[in-house]
C-alpha atoms as a PDB file:
ATOM      1  CA  MET A   1      95.922  39.556-108.766  1.00  0.00           C
ATOM      2  CA  ALA A   2      94.574  43.083-109.032  1.00  0.00           C
ATOM      3  CA  ARG A   3      91.362  41.905-107.307  1.00  0.00           C
ATOM      4  CA  LEU A   4      93.299  40.152-104.598  1.00  0.00           C
ATOM      5  CA  ASP A   5      95.444  43.228-104.075  1.00  0.00           C
ATOM      6  CA  ALA A   6      92.292  45.303-103.668  1.00  0.00           C
ATOM      7  CA  GLN A   7      90.869  42.849-101.160  1.00  0.00           C
ATOM      8  CA  LEU A   8      94.164  42.806 -99.278  1.00  0.00           C
ATOM      9  CA  ALA A   9      94.114  46.582 -99.047  1.00  0.00           C
ATOM     10  CA  GLN A  10      90.521  46.505 -97.692  1.00  0.00           C
ATOM     11  CA  LEU A  11      91.419  43.896 -95.122  1.00  0.00           C
ATOM     12  CA  ARG A  12      94.393  45.920 -93.946  1.00  0.00           C
ATOM     13  CA  ALA A  13      92.203  48.960 -93.573  1.00  0.00           C
ATOM     14  CA  ARG A  14      89.632  46.887 -91.614  1.00  0.00           C
ATOM     15  CA  ARG A  15      92.428  45.557 -89.414  1.00  0.00           C
ATOM     16  CA  ALA A  16      93.596  49.096 -88.666  1.00  0.00           C
ATOM     17  CA  GLU A  17      90.042  50.113 -87.726  1.00  0.00           C
ATOM     18  CA  LEU A  18      89.636  47.120 -85.417  1.00  0.00           C
ATOM     19  CA  GLU A  19      92.959  47.780 -83.710  1.00  0.00           C
ATOM     20  CA  THR A  20      91.971  51.419 -83.192  1.00  0.00           C
ATOM     21  CA  ALA A  21      88.563  50.364 -81.772  1.00  0.00           C
ATOM     22  CA  LEU A  22      90.191  47.756 -79.551  1.00  0.00           C
ATOM     23  CA  ALA A  23      92.653  50.314 -78.190  1.00  0.00           C
ATOM     24  CA  GLN A  24      89.822  52.689 -77.429  1.00  0.00           C
ATOM     25  CA  GLY A  25      87.618  49.954 -75.780  1.00  0.00           C
ATOM     26  CA  GLU A  26      90.168  48.858 -73.142  1.00  0.00           C
ATOM     27  CA  ARG A  27      90.077  52.171 -71.321  1.00  0.00           C
ATOM     28  CA  PRO A  28      86.295  52.159 -70.472  1.00  0.00           C
ATOM     29  CA  GLU A  29      86.607  48.554 -69.195  1.00  0.00           C
ATOM     30  CA  LEU A  30      89.274  49.562 -66.709  1.00  0.00           C
ATOM     31  CA  GLU A  31      87.204  52.504 -65.559  1.00  0.00           C
ATOM     32  CA  LEU A  32      84.120  50.304 -65.135  1.00  0.00           C
ATOM     33  CA  LYS A  33      86.157  47.746 -63.245  1.00  0.00           C
ATOM     34  CA  ALA A  34      87.445  50.409 -60.894  1.00  0.00           C
ATOM     35  CA  ARG A  35      83.930  51.752 -60.350  1.00  0.00           C
ATOM     36  CA  LEU A  36      82.660  48.194 -59.722  1.00  0.00           C
ATOM     37  CA  GLU A  37      85.299  47.670 -57.066  1.00  0.00           C
ATOM     38  CA  GLU A  38      84.314  50.980 -55.450  1.00  0.00           C
ATOM     39  CA  PHE A  39      80.667  50.008 -55.467  1.00  0.00           C
ATOM     40  CA  LEU A  40      81.472  46.587 -53.986  1.00  0.00           C
ATOM     41  CA  ARG A  41      83.446  48.256 -51.205  1.00  0.00           C
ATOM     42  CA  LYS A  42      80.558  50.623 -50.453  1.00  0.00           C
ATOM     43  CA  ARG A  43      78.112  47.695 -50.548  1.00  0.00           C
ATOM     44  CA  LEU A  44      80.196  45.788 -48.015  1.00  0.00           C
ATOM     45  CA  GLU A  45      80.283  48.857 -45.768  1.00  0.00           C
ATOM     46  CA  ILE A  46      76.530  49.294 -46.120  1.00  0.00           C
ATOM     47  CA  GLU A  47      75.856  45.578 -45.381  1.00  0.00           C
ATOM     48  CA  THR A  48      78.082  45.828 -42.324  1.00  0.00           C
ATOM     49  CA  ARG A  49      76.187  48.870 -41.097  1.00  0.00           C
ATOM     50  CA  LEU A  50      72.874  47.123 -41.907  1.00  0.00           C
ATOM     51  CA  SER A  51      73.890  44.058 -39.883  1.00  0.00           C
ATOM     52  CA  GLN A  52      74.906  46.268 -36.975  1.00  0.00           C
ATOM     53  CA  ALA A  53      71.603  48.148 -37.261  1.00  0.00           C
ATOM     54  CA  ARG A  54      69.652  44.862 -37.324  1.00  0.00           C
ATOM     55  CA  GLN A  55      71.528  43.572 -34.276  1.00  0.00           C
ATOM     56  CA  ALA A  56      70.835  46.805 -32.443  1.00  0.00           C
ATOM     57  CA  SER A  57      67.172  46.619 -33.502  1.00  0.00           C
ATOM     58  CA  GLY A  58      66.928  43.013 -32.173  1.00  0.00           C
ATOM     59  CA  GLU A  59      68.451  44.043 -28.864  1.00  0.00           C
ATOM     60  CA  LEU A  60      66.021  46.926 -28.628  1.00  0.00           C
ATOM     61  CA  GLU A  61      63.059  44.631 -29.386  1.00  0.00           C
ATOM     62  CA  THR A  62      64.221  42.135 -26.757  1.00  0.00           C
ATOM     63  CA  ARG A  63      64.591  44.889 -24.227  1.00  0.00           C
ATOM     64  CA  LEU A  64      61.189  46.257 -25.239  1.00  0.00           C
ATOM     65  CA  ARG A  65      59.528  42.866 -24.699  1.00  0.00           C
ATOM     66  CA  ALA A  66      61.226  42.532 -21.334  1.00  0.00           C
ATOM     67  CA  LEU A  67      60.002  46.002 -20.400  1.00  0.00           C
ATOM     68  CA  ASP A  68      56.474  45.077 -21.589  1.00  0.00           C
ATOM     69  CA  GLN A  69      56.522  41.942 -19.433  1.00  0.00           C
ATOM     70  CA  GLU A  70      57.787  43.906 -16.493  1.00  0.00           C
ATOM     71  CA  ARG A  71      55.059  46.491 -17.091  1.00  0.00           C
ATOM     72  CA  ALA A  72      52.397  43.728 -17.277  1.00  0.00           C
ATOM     73  CA  GLY A  73      53.694  42.248 -14.021  1.00  0.00           C
ATOM     74  CA  HIS A  74      53.564  45.660 -12.340  1.00  0.00           C
ATOM     75  CA  GLU A  75      50.025  46.196 -13.647  1.00  0.00           C
ATOM     76  CA  LYS A  76      48.948  42.746 -12.327  1.00  0.00           C
ATOM     77  CA  THR A  77      50.503  43.514  -8.955  1.00  0.00           C
ATOM     78  CA  ILE A  78      48.751  46.884  -8.898  1.00  0.00           C
ATOM     79  CA  GLN A  79      45.436  45.192  -9.800  1.00  0.00           C
ATOM     80  CA  GLU A  80      45.868  42.613  -7.028  1.00  0.00           C
ATOM     81  CA  LEU A  81      46.703  45.382  -4.576  1.00  0.00           C
ATOM     82  CA  ARG A  82      43.609  47.294  -5.688  1.00  0.00           C
ATOM     83  CA  GLU A  83      41.422  44.199  -5.228  1.00  0.00           C
ATOM     84  CA  ALA A  84      42.961  43.501  -1.817  1.00  0.00           C
ATOM     85  CA  LEU A  85      42.441  47.114  -0.883  1.00  0.00           C
ATOM     86  CA  GLU A  86      38.802  46.906  -2.004  1.00  0.00           C
ATOM     87  CA  GLN A  87      38.288  43.707   0.014  1.00  0.00           C
ATOM     88  CA  GLU A  88      39.871  45.323   3.035  1.00  0.00           C
ATOM     89  CA  ARG A  89      37.583  48.303   2.611  1.00  0.00           C
ATOM     90  CA  ILE A  90      34.513  46.054   2.353  1.00  0.00           C
ATOM     91  CA  ALA A  91      35.660  44.016   5.369  1.00  0.00           C
ATOM     92  CA  ARG A  92      36.188  47.233   7.291  1.00  0.00           C
ATOM     93  CA  GLN A  93      32.691  48.362   6.448  1.00  0.00           C
ATOM     94  CA  GLU A  94      31.307  44.966   7.508  1.00  0.00           C
ATOM     95  CA  LEU A  95      33.200  45.192  10.774  1.00  0.00           C
ATOM     96  CA  ALA A  96      31.876  48.692  11.326  1.00  0.00           C
ATOM     97  CA  VAL A  97      28.304  47.545  10.690  1.00  0.00           C
ATOM     98  CA  ARG A  98      28.820  44.527  12.904  1.00  0.00           C
ATOM     99  CA  ARG A  99      30.268  46.698  15.618  1.00  0.00           C
ATOM    100  CA  GLU A 100      27.265  48.986  15.521  1.00  0.00           C
ATOM    101  CA  THR A 101      24.947  45.963  15.643  1.00  0.00           C
ATOM    102  CA  LEU A 102      26.785  44.474  18.609  1.00  0.00           C
ATOM    103  CA  GLU A 103      26.772  47.813  20.433  1.00  0.00           C
ATOM    104  CA  GLU A 104      23.049  48.067  19.830  1.00  0.00           C
ATOM    105  CA  GLN A 105      22.526  44.519  21.146  1.00  0.00           C
ATOM    106  CA  VAL A 106      24.606  45.326  24.211  1.00  0.00           C
ATOM    107  CA  ARG A 107      22.546  48.487  24.824  1.00  0.00           C
ATOM    108  CA  GLU A 108      19.348  46.442  24.496  1.00  0.00           C
ATOM    109  CA  THR A 109      20.550  44.060  27.218  1.00  0.00           C
ATOM    110  CA  CYS A 110      21.150  47.059  29.540  1.00  0.00           C
ATOM    111  CA  LEU A 111      24.807  46.194  29.930  1.00  0.00           C
ATOM    112  CA  GLU A 112      27.954  48.250  29.588  1.00  0.00           C
ATOM    113  CA  LEU A 113      30.404  47.363  26.830  1.00  0.00           C
ATOM    114  CA  ALA A 114      33.459  48.220  28.924  1.00  0.00           C
ATOM    115  CA  GLN A 115      32.205  46.007  31.758  1.00  0.00           C
ATOM    116  CA  LEU A 116      31.630  43.084  29.328  1.00  0.00           C
ATOM    117  CA  VAL A 117      35.114  43.471  27.870  1.00  0.00           C
ATOM    118  CA  ALA A 118      36.625  43.514  31.350  1.00  0.00           C
ATOM    119  CA  GLU A 119      34.733  40.348  32.365  1.00  0.00           C
ATOM    120  CA  LEU A 120      35.815  38.329  29.307  1.00  0.00           C
ATOM    121  CA  PRO A 121      38.086  35.366  30.217  1.00  0.00           C
ATOM    122  CA  PRO A 122      41.678  35.463  28.980  1.00  0.00           C
ATOM    123  CA  GLU A 123      41.200  32.352  26.805  1.00  0.00           C
ATOM    124  CA  ALA A 124      38.210  33.865  24.963  1.00  0.00           C
ATOM    125  CA  ASN A 125      38.256  32.987  21.249  1.00  0.00           C
ATOM    126  CA  GLU A 126      35.695  34.446  18.906  1.00  0.00           C
ATOM    127  CA  GLU A 127      36.040  31.691  16.259  1.00  0.00           C
ATOM    128  CA  LEU A 128      35.489  28.905  18.810  1.00  0.00           C
ATOM    129  CA  TRP A 129      32.498  30.701  20.259  1.00  0.00           C
ATOM    130  CA  GLN A 130      31.046  31.226  16.797  1.00  0.00           C
ATOM    131  CA  GLN A 131      31.512  27.536  16.019  1.00  0.00           C
ATOM    132  CA  SER A 132      29.858  26.518  19.301  1.00  0.00           C
ATOM    133  CA  LEU A 133      27.006  28.921  18.624  1.00  0.00           C
ATOM    134  CA  ALA A 134      26.493  27.504  15.129  1.00  0.00           C
ATOM    135  CA  GLU A 135      26.424  23.957  16.530  1.00  0.00           C
ATOM    136  CA  LEU A 136      23.856  24.901  19.157  1.00  0.00           C
ATOM    137  CA  VAL A 137      21.684  26.629  16.553  1.00  0.00           C
ATOM    138  CA  ALA A 138      21.858  23.554  14.301  1.00  0.00           C
ATOM    139  CA  LYS A 139      20.852  21.275  17.201  1.00  0.00           C
ATOM    140  CA  ILE A 140      17.932  23.520  18.094  1.00  0.00           C
ATOM    141  CA  GLU A 141      16.791  23.583  14.456  1.00  0.00           C
ATOM    142  CA  ARG A 142      16.964  19.785  14.263  1.00  0.00           C
ATOM    143  CA  LEU A 143      14.784  19.531  17.351  1.00  0.00           C
ATOM    144  CA  GLY A 144      12.027  21.375  15.520  1.00  0.00           C
ATOM    145  CA  PRO A 145       9.070  23.020  17.197  1.00  0.00           C
ATOM    146  CA  ILE A 146       8.388  22.182  20.826  1.00  0.00           C
ATOM    147  CA  ASN A 147       5.852  19.376  21.245  1.00  0.00           C
ATOM    148  CA  LEU A 148       4.103  19.524  24.606  1.00  0.00           C
ATOM    149  CA  ILE A 149       2.727  15.983  24.329  1.00  0.00           C
ATOM    150  CA  ALA A 150       6.022  14.451  23.266  1.00  0.00           C
ATOM    151  CA  ILE A 151       6.319  12.422  26.502  1.00  0.00           C
ATOM    152  CA  GLU A 152       2.922  10.801  26.027  1.00  0.00           C
ATOM    153  CA  GLU A 153       3.661  10.112  22.366  1.00  0.00           C
ATOM    154  CA  TYR A 154       7.018   8.623  23.348  1.00  0.00           C
ATOM    155  CA  GLU A 155       5.381   6.254  25.835  1.00  0.00           C
ATOM    156  CA  GLU A 156       2.787   5.232  23.229  1.00  0.00           C
ATOM    157  CA  GLN A 157       5.411   4.663  20.539  1.00  0.00           C
ATOM    158  CA  SER A 158       7.604   2.807  23.029  1.00  0.00           C
ATOM    159  CA  GLN A 159       4.757   0.391  23.799  1.00  0.00           C
ATOM    160  CA  ARG A 160       4.135  -0.058  20.075  1.00  0.00           C
ATOM    161  CA  LYS A 161       7.848  -0.679  19.507  1.00  0.00           C
ATOM    162  CA  SER A 162       7.865  -3.334  22.229  1.00  0.00           C
ATOM    163  CA  TYR A 163       4.861  -5.017  20.600  1.00  0.00           C
ATOM    164  CA  LEU A 164       6.486  -4.883  17.171  1.00  0.00           C
ATOM    165  CA  ASP A 165       9.748  -6.218  18.600  1.00  0.00           C
ATOM    166  CA  ARG A 166       7.885  -9.213  20.036  1.00  0.00           C
ATOM    167  CA  GLN A 167       6.143  -9.744  16.704  1.00  0.00           C
ATOM    168  CA  HIS A 168       9.467  -9.489  14.893  1.00  0.00           C
ATOM    169  CA  GLU A 169      11.021 -12.024  17.258  1.00  0.00           C
ATOM    170  CA  ASP A 170       8.116 -14.430  16.709  1.00  0.00           C
ATOM    171  CA  LEU A 171       8.359 -14.008  12.953  1.00  0.00           C
ATOM    172  CA  SER A 172      12.124 -14.529  13.054  1.00  0.00           C
ATOM    173  CA  GLN A 173      11.684 -17.733  15.026  1.00  0.00           C
ATOM    174  CA  ALA A 174       8.942 -18.900  12.634  1.00  0.00           C
ATOM    175  CA  LEU A 175      11.146 -18.046   9.666  1.00  0.00           C
ATOM    176  CA  THR A 176      14.056 -19.975  11.188  1.00  0.00           C
ATOM    177  CA  THR A 177      11.803 -22.960  11.823  1.00  0.00           C
ATOM    178  CA  LEU A 178      10.440 -22.750   8.285  1.00  0.00           C
ATOM    179  CA  GLU A 179      13.929 -22.534   6.776  1.00  0.00           C
ATOM    180  CA  ASP A 180      15.017 -25.539   8.845  1.00  0.00           C
ATOM    181  CA  ALA A 181      11.955 -27.453   7.643  1.00  0.00           C
ATOM    182  CA  ILE A 182      12.683 -26.470   4.040  1.00  0.00           C
ATOM    183  CA  ARG A 183      16.284 -27.619   4.343  1.00  0.00           C
ATOM    184  CA  LYS A 184      15.124 -30.898   5.902  1.00  0.00           C
ATOM    185  CA  ILE A 185      12.543 -31.388   3.135  1.00  0.00           C
ATOM    186  CA  ASP A 186      15.194 -30.624   0.521  1.00  0.00           C
ATOM    187  CA  ARG A 187      17.554 -33.186   2.032  1.00  0.00           C
ATOM    188  CA  GLU A 188      14.862 -35.849   2.244  1.00  0.00           C
ATOM    189  CA  THR A 189      13.606 -34.978  -1.235  1.00  0.00           C
ATOM    190  CA  ARG A 190      17.097 -35.272  -2.706  1.00  0.00           C
ATOM    191  CA  THR A 191      17.635 -38.583  -0.941  1.00  0.00           C
ATOM    192  CA  ARG A 192      14.271 -40.047  -1.929  1.00  0.00           C
ATOM    193  CA  PHE A 193      14.492 -38.705  -5.471  1.00  0.00           C
ATOM    194  CA  ARG A 194      17.951 -40.190  -5.889  1.00  0.00           C
ATOM    195  CA  GLU A 195      16.824 -43.549  -4.525  1.00  0.00           C
ATOM    196  CA  THR A 196      13.718 -43.537  -6.738  1.00  0.00           C
ATOM    197  CA  PHE A 197      15.736 -42.493  -9.767  1.00  0.00           C
ATOM    198  CA  ASP A 198      18.279 -45.279  -9.219  1.00  0.00           C
ATOM    199  CA  LYS A 199      15.517 -47.887  -8.832  1.00  0.00           C
ATOM    200  CA  VAL A 200      13.673 -46.700 -11.949  1.00  0.00           C
ATOM    201  CA  ASN A 201      16.965 -46.616 -13.865  1.00  0.00           C
ATOM    202  CA  THR A 202      17.759 -50.175 -12.786  1.00  0.00           C
ATOM    203  CA  GLU A 203      14.318 -51.475 -13.830  1.00  0.00           C
ATOM    204  CA  PHE A 204      14.526 -49.526 -17.083  1.00  0.00           C
ATOM    205  CA  GLN A 205      17.893 -51.102 -17.893  1.00  0.00           C
ATOM    206  CA  LYS A 206      16.361 -54.558 -17.251  1.00  0.00           C
ATOM    207  CA  LEU A 207      13.108 -54.054 -19.216  1.00  0.00           C
ATOM    208  CA  PHE A 208      14.600 -52.377 -22.276  1.00  0.00           C
ATOM    209  CA  PRO A 209      16.635 -55.414 -23.472  1.00  0.00           C
ATOM    210  CA  ARG A 210      13.627 -57.680 -22.835  1.00  0.00           C
ATOM    211  CA  LEU A 211      11.334 -55.541 -24.978  1.00  0.00           C
ATOM    212  CA  PHE A 212      13.883 -55.016 -27.758  1.00  0.00           C
ATOM    213  CA  GLY A 213      15.587 -58.390 -27.634  1.00  0.00           C
ATOM    214  CA  GLY A 214      18.910 -56.732 -26.863  1.00  0.00           C
ATOM    215  CA  GLY A 215      20.460 -53.264 -26.795  1.00  0.00           C
ATOM    216  CA  HIS A 216      20.816 -51.135 -23.709  1.00  0.00           C
ATOM    217  CA  ALA A 217      19.256 -47.998 -22.237  1.00  0.00           C
ATOM    218  CA  TYR A 218      19.690 -45.882 -19.156  1.00  0.00           C
ATOM    219  CA  LEU A 219      18.536 -42.647 -17.509  1.00  0.00           C
ATOM    220  CA  GLU A 220      20.903 -39.752 -16.849  1.00  0.00           C
ATOM    221  CA  LEU A 221      20.509 -36.603 -14.743  1.00  0.00           C
ATOM    222  CA  VAL A 222      21.279 -33.277 -16.427  1.00  0.00           C
ATOM    223  CA  GLY A 223      22.423 -30.608 -13.977  1.00  0.00           C
ATOM    224  CA  ASP A 224      24.299 -30.212 -10.710  1.00  0.00           C
ATOM    225  CA  ASP A 225      21.347 -29.876  -8.340  1.00  0.00           C
ATOM    226  CA  VAL A 226      19.154 -32.951  -8.100  1.00  0.00           C
ATOM    227  CA  LEU A 227      16.005 -30.890  -7.449  1.00  0.00           C
ATOM    228  CA  ASP A 228      16.517 -28.697 -10.512  1.00  0.00           C
ATOM    229  CA  SER A 229      18.138 -31.177 -12.897  1.00  0.00           C
ATOM    230  CA  GLY A 230      16.453 -32.760 -15.877  1.00  0.00           C
ATOM    231  CA  VAL A 231      16.359 -36.394 -16.924  1.00  0.00           C
ATOM    232  CA  THR A 232      17.759 -37.614 -20.241  1.00  0.00           C
ATOM    233  CA  VAL A 233      16.674 -40.948 -21.697  1.00  0.00           C
ATOM    234  CA  MET A 234      19.480 -42.730 -23.554  1.00  0.00           C
ATOM    235  CA  ALA A 235      18.225 -45.706 -25.602  1.00  0.00           C
ATOM    236  CA  ARG A 236      20.127 -47.784 -28.157  1.00  0.00           C
ATOM    237  CA  PRO A 237      18.246 -50.710 -29.681  1.00  0.00           C
ATOM    238  CA  PRO A 238      20.323 -53.651 -30.915  1.00  0.00           C
ATOM    239  CA  GLY A 239      22.261 -52.872 -34.082  1.00  0.00           C
ATOM    240  CA  LYS A 240      21.993 -49.059 -33.758  1.00  0.00           C
ATOM    241  CA  ARG A 241      24.557 -46.429 -32.786  1.00  0.00           C
ATOM    242  CA  ASN A 242      22.234 -43.465 -32.367  1.00  0.00           C
ATOM    243  CA  SER A 243      23.402 -40.510 -30.301  1.00  0.00           C
ATOM    244  CA  THR A 244      19.902 -39.316 -29.355  1.00  0.00           C
ATOM    245  CA  ILE A 245      16.490 -40.865 -28.885  1.00  0.00           C
ATOM    246  CA  HIS A 246      15.070 -38.608 -31.608  1.00  0.00           C
ATOM    247  CA  LEU A 247      16.822 -40.755 -34.227  1.00  0.00           C
ATOM    248  CA  LEU A 248      14.646 -43.776 -33.346  1.00  0.00           C
ATOM    249  CA  SER A 249      11.592 -44.783 -35.322  1.00  0.00           C
ATOM    250  CA  GLY A 250       8.058 -44.327 -34.053  1.00  0.00           C
ATOM    251  CA  GLY A 251       7.761 -47.946 -32.898  1.00  0.00           C
ATOM    252  CA  GLU A 252      11.132 -47.824 -31.137  1.00  0.00           C
ATOM    253  CA  LYS A 253      10.172 -44.614 -29.354  1.00  0.00           C
ATOM    254  CA  ALA A 254       6.869 -46.177 -28.287  1.00  0.00           C
ATOM    255  CA  LEU A 255       8.577 -49.311 -27.006  1.00  0.00           C
ATOM    256  CA  THR A 256      11.155 -47.198 -25.142  1.00  0.00           C
ATOM    257  CA  ALA A 257       8.329 -45.259 -23.514  1.00  0.00           C
ATOM    258  CA  VAL A 258       6.650 -48.554 -22.556  1.00  0.00           C
ATOM    259  CA  ALA A 259       9.889 -49.738 -20.951  1.00  0.00           C
ATOM    260  CA  LEU A 260      10.159 -46.527 -18.926  1.00  0.00           C
ATOM    261  CA  LEU A 261       6.463 -46.682 -17.974  1.00  0.00           C
ATOM    262  CA  PHE A 262       6.704 -50.279 -16.792  1.00  0.00           C
ATOM    263  CA  ALA A 263       9.931 -49.475 -14.880  1.00  0.00           C
ATOM    264  CA  ILE A 264       8.079 -46.770 -12.960  1.00  0.00           C
ATOM    265  CA  PHE A 265       5.107 -49.093 -12.533  1.00  0.00           C
ATOM    266  CA  GLU A 266       7.371 -51.771 -11.039  1.00  0.00           C
ATOM    267  CA  LEU A 267       8.587 -49.258  -8.466  1.00  0.00           C
ATOM    268  CA  ASN A 268       5.085 -48.425  -7.248  1.00  0.00           C
ATOM    269  CA  PRO A 269       2.630 -50.984  -8.641  1.00  0.00           C
ATOM    270  CA  ALA A 270      -1.106 -50.363  -8.632  1.00  0.00           C
ATOM    271  CA  PRO A 271      -3.961 -52.916  -8.632  1.00  0.00           C
ATOM    272  CA  PHE A 272      -5.049 -51.763 -12.095  1.00  0.00           C
ATOM    273  CA  CYS A 273      -3.204 -50.681 -15.215  1.00  0.00           C
ATOM    274  CA  PHE A 274      -4.898 -49.332 -18.351  1.00  0.00           C
ATOM    275  CA  LEU A 275      -3.102 -49.322 -21.703  1.00  0.00           C
ATOM    276  CA  ASP A 276      -4.627 -47.785 -24.818  1.00  0.00           C
ATOM    277  CA  GLU A 277      -3.297 -48.859 -28.242  1.00  0.00           C
ATOM    278  CA  VAL A 278       0.276 -49.074 -26.943  1.00  0.00           C
ATOM    279  CA  ASP A 279       1.154 -51.823 -29.440  1.00  0.00           C
ATOM    280  CA  ALA A 280      -0.224 -49.979 -32.484  1.00  0.00           C
ATOM    281  CA  PRO A 281       3.156 -48.832 -33.920  1.00  0.00           C
ATOM    282  CA  LEU A 282       4.962 -52.116 -33.103  1.00  0.00           C
ATOM    283  CA  ASP A 283       5.788 -54.952 -35.482  1.00  0.00           C
ATOM    284  CA  ASP A 284       4.996 -58.610 -34.677  1.00  0.00           C
ATOM    285  CA  ALA A 285       8.379 -59.395 -33.126  1.00  0.00           C
ATOM    286  CA  ASN A 286       8.161 -56.437 -30.771  1.00  0.00           C
ATOM    287  CA  VAL A 287       4.521 -57.219 -29.995  1.00  0.00           C
ATOM    288  CA  GLU A 288       5.472 -60.718 -28.892  1.00  0.00           C
ATOM    289  CA  ARG A 289       8.106 -59.386 -26.483  1.00  0.00           C
ATOM    290  CA  TYR A 290       5.637 -56.737 -25.343  1.00  0.00           C
ATOM    291  CA  ALA A 291       3.071 -59.515 -24.682  1.00  0.00           C
ATOM    292  CA  ASP A 292       5.606 -61.481 -22.612  1.00  0.00           C
ATOM    293  CA  VAL A 293       6.168 -58.442 -20.387  1.00  0.00           C
ATOM    294  CA  LEU A 294       2.393 -58.025 -20.009  1.00  0.00           C
ATOM    295  CA  LYS A 295       2.105 -61.653 -18.883  1.00  0.00           C
ATOM    296  CA  GLN A 296       4.689 -61.041 -16.195  1.00  0.00           C
ATOM    297  CA  LEU A 297       2.952 -57.861 -14.995  1.00  0.00           C
ATOM    298  CA  SER A 298      -0.457 -59.593 -14.957  1.00  0.00           C
ATOM    299  CA  GLN A 299       0.702 -61.867 -12.139  1.00  0.00           C
ATOM    300  CA  LYS A 300       0.469 -59.000  -9.626  1.00  0.00           C
ATOM    301  CA  THR A 301      -1.587 -56.350 -11.466  1.00  0.00           C
ATOM    302  CA  GLN A 302      -4.854 -56.547 -13.367  1.00  0.00           C
ATOM    303  CA  LEU A 303      -4.184 -55.215 -16.861  1.00  0.00           C
ATOM    304  CA  VAL A 304      -6.848 -53.698 -19.043  1.00  0.00           C
ATOM    305  CA  TYR A 305      -5.591 -52.795 -22.488  1.00  0.00           C
ATOM    306  CA  ILE A 306      -7.166 -51.740 -25.729  1.00  0.00           C
ATOM    307  CA  THR A 307      -5.696 -53.305 -28.848  1.00  0.00           C
ATOM    308  CA  HIS A 308      -6.417 -54.413 -32.386  1.00  0.00           C
ATOM    309  CA  ASN A 309      -3.402 -56.696 -32.610  1.00  0.00           C
ATOM    310  CA  LYS A 310      -4.110 -60.437 -32.722  1.00  0.00           C
ATOM    311  CA  ILE A 311      -0.937 -61.353 -30.833  1.00  0.00           C
ATOM    312  CA  SER A 312      -1.926 -59.086 -27.959  1.00  0.00           C
ATOM    313  CA  MET A 313      -5.429 -60.555 -28.004  1.00  0.00           C
ATOM    314  CA  GLU A 314      -4.059 -64.089 -27.709  1.00  0.00           C
ATOM    315  CA  ILE A 315      -2.517 -63.466 -24.270  1.00  0.00           C
ATOM    316  CA  ALA A 316      -5.701 -61.966 -22.836  1.00  0.00           C
ATOM    317  CA  GLU A 317      -7.753 -63.920 -20.325  1.00  0.00           C
ATOM    318  CA  VAL A 318     -10.970 -62.038 -21.094  1.00  0.00           C
ATOM    319  CA  LEU A 319     -11.864 -60.331 -24.358  1.00  0.00           C
ATOM    320  CA  ILE A 320     -14.397 -57.529 -24.370  1.00  0.00           C
ATOM    321  CA  GLY A 321     -15.464 -56.265 -27.785  1.00  0.00           C
ATOM    322  CA  VAL A 322     -18.057 -53.925 -29.247  1.00  0.00           C
ATOM    323  CA  THR A 323     -20.296 -55.318 -31.980  1.00  0.00           C
ATOM    324  CA  MET A 324     -23.059 -53.751 -34.025  1.00  0.00           C
ATOM    325  CA  SER A 325     -25.576 -56.440 -34.851  1.00  0.00           C
ATOM    326  CA  GLU A 326     -28.027 -53.857 -36.143  1.00  0.00           C
ATOM    327  CA  PRO A 327     -27.273 -50.484 -37.714  1.00  0.00           C
ATOM    328  CA  GLY A 328     -27.001 -47.859 -35.006  1.00  0.00           C
ATOM    329  CA  VAL A 329     -27.155 -50.395 -32.144  1.00  0.00           C
ATOM    330  CA  SER A 330     -23.892 -51.232 -30.357  1.00  0.00           C
ATOM    331  CA  ARG A 331     -23.511 -54.090 -27.926  1.00  0.00           C
ATOM    332  CA  LEU A 332     -20.680 -55.273 -25.685  1.00  0.00           C
ATOM    333  CA  VAL A 333     -19.565 -58.863 -26.003  1.00  0.00           C
ATOM    334  CA  ALA A 334     -17.327 -60.443 -23.343  1.00  0.00           C
ATOM    335  CA  VAL A 335     -15.540 -63.756 -23.882  1.00  0.00           C
ATOM    336  CA  ASP A 336     -13.636 -65.744 -21.248  1.00  0.00           C
ATOM    337  CA  VAL A 337     -10.744 -67.244 -23.171  1.00  0.00           C
ATOM    338  CA  GLU A 338     -10.273 -70.222 -20.819  1.00  0.00           C
ATOM    339  CA  GLU A 339     -13.965 -71.142 -20.932  1.00  0.00           C
ATOM    340  CA  ALA A 340     -13.952 -70.774 -24.703  1.00  0.00           C
ATOM    341  CA  LEU A 341     -10.967 -73.134 -24.949  1.00  0.00           C
ATOM    342  CA  GLU A 342     -12.722 -75.661 -22.719  1.00  0.00           C
ATOM    343  CA  MET A 343     -15.817 -75.475 -24.895  1.00  0.00           C
ATOM    344  CA  VAL A 344     -13.731 -75.970 -28.022  1.00  0.00           C
ATOM    345  CA  ALA A 345     -11.990 -78.932 -26.370  1.00  0.00           C
ATOM    346  CA  GLN A 346     -15.338 -80.587 -25.574  1.00  0.00           C
END
């Protein structure tokens, strides 16, 4: 209890000290608050004055820029006036020099300036006269130096021109005649080519099935113009669906070529026809059909063909062979098949 009493006494003393300190601390806070309000009021006044000063400064700057622009405009106007004044001065000097030159020219012609001015017509215009003078000078310059023999040269060139005109007329007529002839030749060529092509195509379509035992083939023009178009050969042997002739075998290509050759030969037959190893790539069936076509052609054309095929040899009327009875010595041997058959029959 004694200890607690002592502590209670200390706490009371501490409480008294704190109350005293608290009483003393309230007065400075009020003073500081009053000073703060004073400072805030002054700050507001200063900010107001600063805003007014800034506004006034902006107005002054705007006015200053306007004055600078106005000054620049005045300076530009002054510069233009100076340049115009300088041009006027130069023009005045040019006029003075020109006047002196004209006065000197008038004095050289022994005329009086006052008399010339008095004799000028009322409608006189210097610009029009200057323009007319310039045109006359340009015409004189285009004429060039005076040629004393120009008349003789003109007559000579005129005669040459007449001669060249006649030559040109003759050439034009010859060219027209030649163009007409070319057009006529083109028309006839197109007509004859078309007729020949149709005939060859017809014969080709007939011969191809005979040589192949079926199938079909035809010729087709490639292009719009007959004279410049190409010719495509379309051939399809029996049992094939090929889209191009390049897909055929070697024997089929050879037989197709034979059909086309014989079709052309039928159009314009000759007394002789030479065939060299045409049946070499053909098999026996194709050779037999090939031999039948040769028999038909032999009725109106003498055929001479070279072959090593027995079937082709059998249809020949005369066989001509080369034999070598001795080494290095060749000899031709000709055999008439009909005579040989008669001899065999006897």
